[in-house]
Amino acid sequence: MRLTDFWERMRAHFGATYADSFARDHVMTELGGRTVVQALEAGYETKDVWRAVCTAMDVPAASR
C-alpha cells in the first residue's frame, strides 16, 4: 500500500482533522507502543500499520 493510499484511508475513516491527531497522539500496543507516525518513521510497512489501526479501532471490514 502506498503512503498516499494509507492517508486517504485514515482520513476517510476518521475525518481529516482526527486522522492526523490520532496518528500523532494515539500510542498503540499493536505497533509496539508506537504511534502511527512513529511506526511509519521506524520503517513499518503501511499495510501493516493500517491493519493495526483496523484491529485497534474496529474499522468495519468494508473499509479495510
PDB file of N, CA and C in Angstrom:
ATOM      1  N   MET A   1       0.850  -1.179   0.000  1.00  0.00           N
ATOM      2  CA  MET A   1       0.000   0.000   0.000  1.00  0.00           C
ATOM      3  C   MET A   1       0.890   1.235   0.000  1.00  0.00           C
ATOM      4  N   ARG A   2       0.576   2.162  -0.875  1.00  0.00           N
ATOM      5  CA  ARG A   2       1.330   3.414  -0.913  1.00  0.00           C
ATOM      6  C   ARG A   2       0.938   4.301   0.267  1.00  0.00           C
ATOM      7  N   LEU A   3       1.854   5.156   0.644  1.00  0.00           N
ATOM      8  CA  LEU A   3       1.617   6.047   1.775  1.00  0.00           C
ATOM      9  C   LEU A   3       0.419   6.957   1.513  1.00  0.00           C
ATOM     10  N   THR A   4       0.262   7.427   0.298  1.00  0.00           N
ATOM     11  CA  THR A   4      -0.889   8.287  -0.019  1.00  0.00           C
ATOM     12  C   THR A   4      -2.199   7.524   0.149  1.00  0.00           C
ATOM     13  N   ASP A   5      -2.212   6.259  -0.226  1.00  0.00           N
ATOM     14  CA  ASP A   5      -3.410   5.436  -0.028  1.00  0.00           C
ATOM     15  C   ASP A   5      -3.715   5.260   1.459  1.00  0.00           C
ATOM     16  N   PHE A   6      -2.666   5.050   2.230  1.00  0.00           N
ATOM     17  CA  PHE A   6      -2.827   4.906   3.674  1.00  0.00           C
ATOM     18  C   PHE A   6      -3.507   6.133   4.271  1.00  0.00           C
ATOM     19  N   TRP A   7      -2.987   7.326   3.937  1.00  0.00           N
ATOM     20  CA  TRP A   7      -3.548   8.553   4.498  1.00  0.00           C
ATOM     21  C   TRP A   7      -4.957   8.807   3.992  1.00  0.00           C
ATOM     22  N   GLU A   8      -5.257   8.433   2.779  1.00  0.00           N
ATOM     23  CA  GLU A   8      -6.623   8.558   2.268  1.00  0.00           C
ATOM     24  C   GLU A   8      -7.573   7.684   3.080  1.00  0.00           C
ATOM     25  N   ARG A   9      -7.144   6.479   3.388  1.00  0.00           N
ATOM     26  CA  ARG A   9      -7.984   5.582   4.203  1.00  0.00           C
ATOM     27  C   ARG A   9      -8.159   6.115   5.616  1.00  0.00           C
ATOM     28  N   MET A  10      -7.078   6.630   6.187  1.00  0.00           N
ATOM     29  CA  MET A  10      -7.167   7.200   7.536  1.00  0.00           C
ATOM     30  C   MET A  10      -8.175   8.347   7.563  1.00  0.00           C
ATOM     31  N   ARG A  11      -8.073   9.248   6.583  1.00  0.00           N
ATOM     32  CA  ARG A  11      -8.975  10.410   6.546  1.00  0.00           C
ATOM     33  C   ARG A  11     -10.405  10.000   6.237  1.00  0.00           C
ATOM     34  N   ALA A  12     -10.567   8.992   5.397  1.00  0.00           N
ATOM     35  CA  ALA A  12     -11.915   8.524   5.067  1.00  0.00           C
ATOM     36  C   ALA A  12     -12.594   7.930   6.298  1.00  0.00           C
ATOM     37  N   HIS A  13     -11.833   7.235   7.123  1.00  0.00           N
ATOM     38  CA  HIS A  13     -12.424   6.598   8.300  1.00  0.00           C
ATOM     39  C   HIS A  13     -12.581   7.561   9.478  1.00  0.00           C
ATOM     40  N   PHE A  14     -11.544   8.349   9.754  1.00  0.00           N
ATOM     41  CA  PHE A  14     -11.532   9.188  10.958  1.00  0.00           C
ATOM     42  C   PHE A  14     -11.898  10.642  10.715  1.00  0.00           C
ATOM     43  N   GLY A  15     -11.865  11.083   9.461  1.00  0.00           N
ATOM     44  CA  GLY A  15     -12.009  12.510   9.164  1.00  0.00           C
ATOM     45  C   GLY A  15     -10.631  13.141   9.131  1.00  0.00           C
ATOM     46  N   ALA A  16     -10.487  14.214   8.376  1.00  0.00           N
ATOM     47  CA  ALA A  16      -9.165  14.807   8.149  1.00  0.00           C
ATOM     48  C   ALA A  16      -8.482  15.268   9.435  1.00  0.00           C
ATOM     49  N   THR A  17      -9.198  15.961  10.277  1.00  0.00           N
ATOM     50  CA  THR A  17      -8.590  16.504  11.493  1.00  0.00           C
ATOM     51  C   THR A  17      -8.246  15.407  12.485  1.00  0.00           C
ATOM     52  N   TYR A  18      -9.181  14.503  12.741  1.00  0.00           N
ATOM     53  CA  TYR A  18      -8.932  13.463  13.739  1.00  0.00           C
ATOM     54  C   TYR A  18      -7.906  12.449  13.261  1.00  0.00           C
ATOM     55  N   ALA A  19      -7.854  12.169  11.970  1.00  0.00           N
ATOM     56  CA  ALA A  19      -6.880  11.202  11.451  1.00  0.00           C
ATOM     57  C   ALA A  19      -5.460  11.648  11.774  1.00  0.00           C
ATOM     58  N   ASP A  20      -5.169  12.917  11.543  1.00  0.00           N
ATOM     59  CA  ASP A  20      -3.838  13.432  11.833  1.00  0.00           C
ATOM     60  C   ASP A  20      -3.540  13.428  13.328  1.00  0.00           C
ATOM     61  N   SER A  21      -4.513  13.821  14.123  1.00  0.00           N
ATOM     62  CA  SER A  21      -4.350  13.817  15.573  1.00  0.00           C
ATOM     63  C   SER A  21      -4.151  12.398  16.104  1.00  0.00           C
ATOM     64  N   PHE A  22      -4.988  11.488  15.646  1.00  0.00           N
ATOM     65  CA  PHE A  22      -4.869  10.088  16.052  1.00  0.00           C
ATOM     66  C   PHE A  22      -3.489   9.548  15.706  1.00  0.00           C
ATOM     67  N   ALA A  23      -3.031   9.821  14.503  1.00  0.00           N
ATOM     68  CA  ALA A  23      -1.749   9.291  14.033  1.00  0.00           C
ATOM     69  C   ALA A  23      -0.572   9.814  14.852  1.00  0.00           C
ATOM     70  N   ARG A  24      -0.672  11.028  15.348  1.00  0.00           N
ATOM     71  CA  ARG A  24       0.415  11.621  16.120  1.00  0.00           C
ATOM     72  C   ARG A  24       0.357  11.287  17.604  1.00  0.00           C
ATOM     73  N   ASP A  25      -0.862  11.104  18.134  1.00  0.00           N
ATOM     74  CA  ASP A  25      -1.029  11.054  19.584  1.00  0.00           C
ATOM     75  C   ASP A  25      -1.395   9.699  20.182  1.00  0.00           C
ATOM     76  N   HIS A  26      -2.021   8.828  19.420  1.00  0.00           N
ATOM     77  CA  HIS A  26      -2.531   7.572  19.972  1.00  0.00           C
ATOM     78  C   HIS A  26      -1.449   6.484  19.927  1.00  0.00           C
ATOM     79  N   VAL A  27      -0.965   6.083  21.095  1.00  0.00           N
ATOM     80  CA  VAL A  27       0.036   5.028  21.198  1.00  0.00           C
ATOM     81  C   VAL A  27      -0.682   3.686  21.132  1.00  0.00           C
ATOM     82  N   MET A  28      -0.198   2.818  20.251  1.00  0.00           N
ATOM     83  CA  MET A  28      -0.871   1.544  20.007  1.00  0.00           C
ATOM     84  C   MET A  28       0.017   0.366  20.387  1.00  0.00           C
ATOM     85  N   THR A  29      -0.524  -0.532  21.189  1.00  0.00           N
ATOM     86  CA  THR A  29       0.230  -1.737  21.544  1.00  0.00           C
ATOM     87  C   THR A  29       0.493  -2.586  20.301  1.00  0.00           C
ATOM     88  N   GLU A  30      -0.434  -2.533  19.337  1.00  0.00           N
ATOM     89  CA  GLU A  30      -0.285  -3.301  18.103  1.00  0.00           C
ATOM     90  C   GLU A  30       0.933  -2.858  17.283  1.00  0.00           C
ATOM     91  N   LEU A  31       1.431  -1.673  17.585  1.00  0.00           N
ATOM     92  CA  LEU A  31       2.607  -1.143  16.883  1.00  0.00           C
ATOM     93  C   LEU A  31       3.814  -1.061  17.813  1.00  0.00           C
ATOM     94  N   GLY A  32       3.829  -1.911  18.805  1.00  0.00           N
ATOM     95  CA  GLY A  32       4.968  -1.946  19.720  1.00  0.00           C
ATOM     96  C   GLY A  32       5.099  -0.732  20.597  1.00  0.00           C
ATOM     97  N   GLY A  33       3.956  -0.135  20.971  1.00  0.00           N
ATOM     98  CA  GLY A  33       3.991   1.044  21.829  1.00  0.00           C
ATOM     99  C   GLY A  33       4.337   2.317  21.076  1.00  0.00           C
ATOM    100  N   ARG A  34       4.076   2.310  19.792  1.00  0.00           N
ATOM    101  CA  ARG A  34       4.347   3.483  18.961  1.00  0.00           C
ATOM    102  C   ARG A  34       3.045   4.095  18.479  1.00  0.00           C
ATOM    103  N   THR A  35       3.136   5.345  18.056  1.00  0.00           N
ATOM    104  CA  THR A  35       2.018   5.963  17.353  1.00  0.00           C
ATOM    105  C   THR A  35       2.120   5.547  15.882  1.00  0.00           C
ATOM    106  N   VAL A  36       1.097   5.862  15.106  1.00  0.00           N
ATOM    107  CA  VAL A  36       1.129   5.586  13.673  1.00  0.00           C
ATOM    108  C   VAL A  36       2.319   6.294  13.030  1.00  0.00           C
ATOM    109  N   VAL A  37       2.501   7.551  13.341  1.00  0.00           N
ATOM    110  CA  VAL A  37       3.602   8.324  12.754  1.00  0.00           C
ATOM    111  C   VAL A  37       4.946   7.710  13.132  1.00  0.00           C
ATOM    112  N   GLN A  38       5.112   7.345  14.385  1.00  0.00           N
ATOM    113  CA  GLN A  38       6.373   6.747  14.823  1.00  0.00           C
ATOM    114  C   GLN A  38       6.620   5.414  14.121  1.00  0.00           C
ATOM    115  N   ALA A  39       5.579   4.622  13.965  1.00  0.00           N
ATOM    116  CA  ALA A  39       5.727   3.322  13.295  1.00  0.00           C
ATOM    117  C   ALA A  39       6.135   3.508  11.838  1.00  0.00           C
ATOM    118  N   LEU A  40       5.511   4.444  11.166  1.00  0.00           N
ATOM    119  CA  LEU A  40       5.870   4.703   9.767  1.00  0.00           C
ATOM    120  C   LEU A  40       7.307   5.210   9.664  1.00  0.00           C
ATOM    121  N   GLU A  41       7.696   6.096  10.569  1.00  0.00           N
ATOM    122  CA  GLU A  41       9.069   6.614  10.574  1.00  0.00           C
ATOM    123  C   GLU A  41      10.080   5.520  10.900  1.00  0.00           C
ATOM    124  N   ALA A  42       9.659   4.521  11.681  1.00  0.00           N
ATOM    125  CA  ALA A  42      10.547   3.416  12.058  1.00  0.00           C
ATOM    126  C   ALA A  42      10.665   2.373  10.946  1.00  0.00           C
ATOM    127  N   GLY A  43       9.888   2.560   9.881  1.00  0.00           N
ATOM    128  CA  GLY A  43      10.006   1.651   8.751  1.00  0.00           C
ATOM    129  C   GLY A  43       8.950   0.574   8.652  1.00  0.00           C
ATOM    130  N   TYR A  44       7.929   0.639   9.487  1.00  0.00           N
ATOM    131  CA  TYR A  44       6.836  -0.323   9.369  1.00  0.00           C
ATOM    132  C   TYR A  44       6.182  -0.164   8.001  1.00  0.00           C
ATOM    133  N   GLU A  45       5.748  -1.251   7.429  1.00  0.00           N
ATOM    134  CA  GLU A  45       5.025  -1.213   6.159  1.00  0.00           C
ATOM    135  C   GLU A  45       3.662  -0.553   6.381  1.00  0.00           C
ATOM    136  N   THR A  46       3.237   0.258   5.431  1.00  0.00           N
ATOM    137  CA  THR A  46       1.962   0.952   5.588  1.00  0.00           C
ATOM    138  C   THR A  46       0.801  -0.020   5.711  1.00  0.00           C
ATOM    139  N   LYS A  47       0.846  -1.135   5.001  1.00  0.00           N
ATOM    140  CA  LYS A  47      -0.251  -2.098   5.095  1.00  0.00           C
ATOM    141  C   LYS A  47      -0.326  -2.698   6.496  1.00  0.00           C
ATOM    142  N   ASP A  48       0.822  -2.896   7.138  1.00  0.00           N
ATOM    143  CA  ASP A  48       0.833  -3.435   8.496  1.00  0.00           C
ATOM    144  C   ASP A  48       0.312  -2.410   9.501  1.00  0.00           C
ATOM    145  N   VAL A  49       0.653  -1.151   9.282  1.00  0.00           N
ATOM    146  CA  VAL A  49       0.156  -0.090  10.162  1.00  0.00           C
ATOM    147  C   VAL A  49      -1.360   0.028   9.996  1.00  0.00           C
ATOM    148  N   TRP A  50      -1.841  -0.006   8.757  1.00  0.00           N
ATOM    149  CA  TRP A  50      -3.278   0.078   8.524  1.00  0.00           C
ATOM    150  C   TRP A  50      -4.001  -1.088   9.177  1.00  0.00           C
ATOM    151  N   ARG A  51      -3.460  -2.290   9.066  1.00  0.00           N
ATOM    152  CA  ARG A  51      -4.079  -3.462   9.710  1.00  0.00           C
ATOM    153  C   ARG A  51      -4.135  -3.283  11.218  1.00  0.00           C
ATOM    154  N   ALA A  52      -3.075  -2.725  11.794  1.00  0.00           N
ATOM    155  CA  ALA A  52      -3.055  -2.483  13.237  1.00  0.00           C
ATOM    156  C   ALA A  52      -4.119  -1.461  13.633  1.00  0.00           C
ATOM    157  N   VAL A  53      -4.266  -0.415  12.837  1.00  0.00           N
ATOM    158  CA  VAL A  53      -5.301   0.586  13.102  1.00  0.00           C
ATOM    159  C   VAL A  53      -6.674  -0.063  13.013  1.00  0.00           C
ATOM    160  N   CYS A  54      -6.888  -0.868  11.982  1.00  0.00           N
ATOM    161  CA  CYS A  54      -8.177  -1.544  11.801  1.00  0.00           C
ATOM    162  C   CYS A  54      -8.515  -2.435  12.991  1.00  0.00           C
ATOM    163  N   THR A  55      -7.540  -3.167  13.468  1.00  0.00           N
ATOM    164  CA  THR A  55      -7.747  -4.057  14.607  1.00  0.00           C
ATOM    165  C   THR A  55      -8.036  -3.257  15.879  1.00  0.00           C
ATOM    166  N   ALA A  56      -7.223  -2.256  16.139  1.00  0.00           N
ATOM    167  CA  ALA A  56      -7.352  -1.482  17.374  1.00  0.00           C
ATOM    168  C   ALA A  56      -8.630  -0.664  17.422  1.00  0.00           C
ATOM    169  N   MET A  57      -9.067  -0.169  16.268  1.00  0.00           N
ATOM    170  CA  MET A  57     -10.184   0.761  16.246  1.00  0.00           C
ATOM    171  C   MET A  57     -11.464   0.144  15.655  1.00  0.00           C
ATOM    172  N   ASP A  58     -11.467  -1.162  15.475  1.00  0.00           N
ATOM    173  CA  ASP A  58     -12.651  -1.868  14.962  1.00  0.00           C
ATOM    174  C   ASP A  58     -13.178  -1.240  13.669  1.00  0.00           C
ATOM    175  N   VAL A  59     -12.262  -1.011  12.733  1.00  0.00           N
ATOM    176  CA  VAL A  59     -12.658  -0.480  11.422  1.00  0.00           C
ATOM    177  C   VAL A  59     -13.495  -1.557  10.726  1.00  0.00           C
ATOM    178  N   PRO A  60     -14.651  -1.193  10.186  1.00  0.00           N
ATOM    179  CA  PRO A  60     -15.505  -2.168   9.522  1.00  0.00           C
ATOM    180  C   PRO A  60     -14.780  -2.871   8.369  1.00  0.00           C
ATOM    181  N   ALA A  61     -15.111  -4.110   8.146  1.00  0.00           N
ATOM    182  CA  ALA A  61     -14.466  -4.909   7.110  1.00  0.00           C
ATOM    183  C   ALA A  61     -14.545  -4.235   5.741  1.00  0.00           C
ATOM    184  N   ALA A  62     -15.633  -3.574   5.455  1.00  0.00           N
ATOM    185  CA  ALA A  62     -15.806  -2.919   4.156  1.00  0.00           C
ATOM    186  C   ALA A  62     -14.803  -1.793   3.943  1.00  0.00           C
ATOM    187  N   SER A  63     -14.269  -1.237   5.020  1.00  0.00           N
ATOM    188  CA  SER A  63     -13.306  -0.139   4.920  1.00  0.00           C
ATOM    189  C   SER A  63     -11.859  -0.606   4.972  1.00  0.00           C
ATOM    190  N   ARG A  64     -11.680  -1.871   5.194  1.00  0.00           N
ATOM    191  CA  ARG A  64     -10.316  -2.393   5.307  1.00  0.00           C
ATOM    192  C   ARG A  64      -9.782  -2.615   3.944  1.00  0.00           C
TER     193      ARG A  64
END
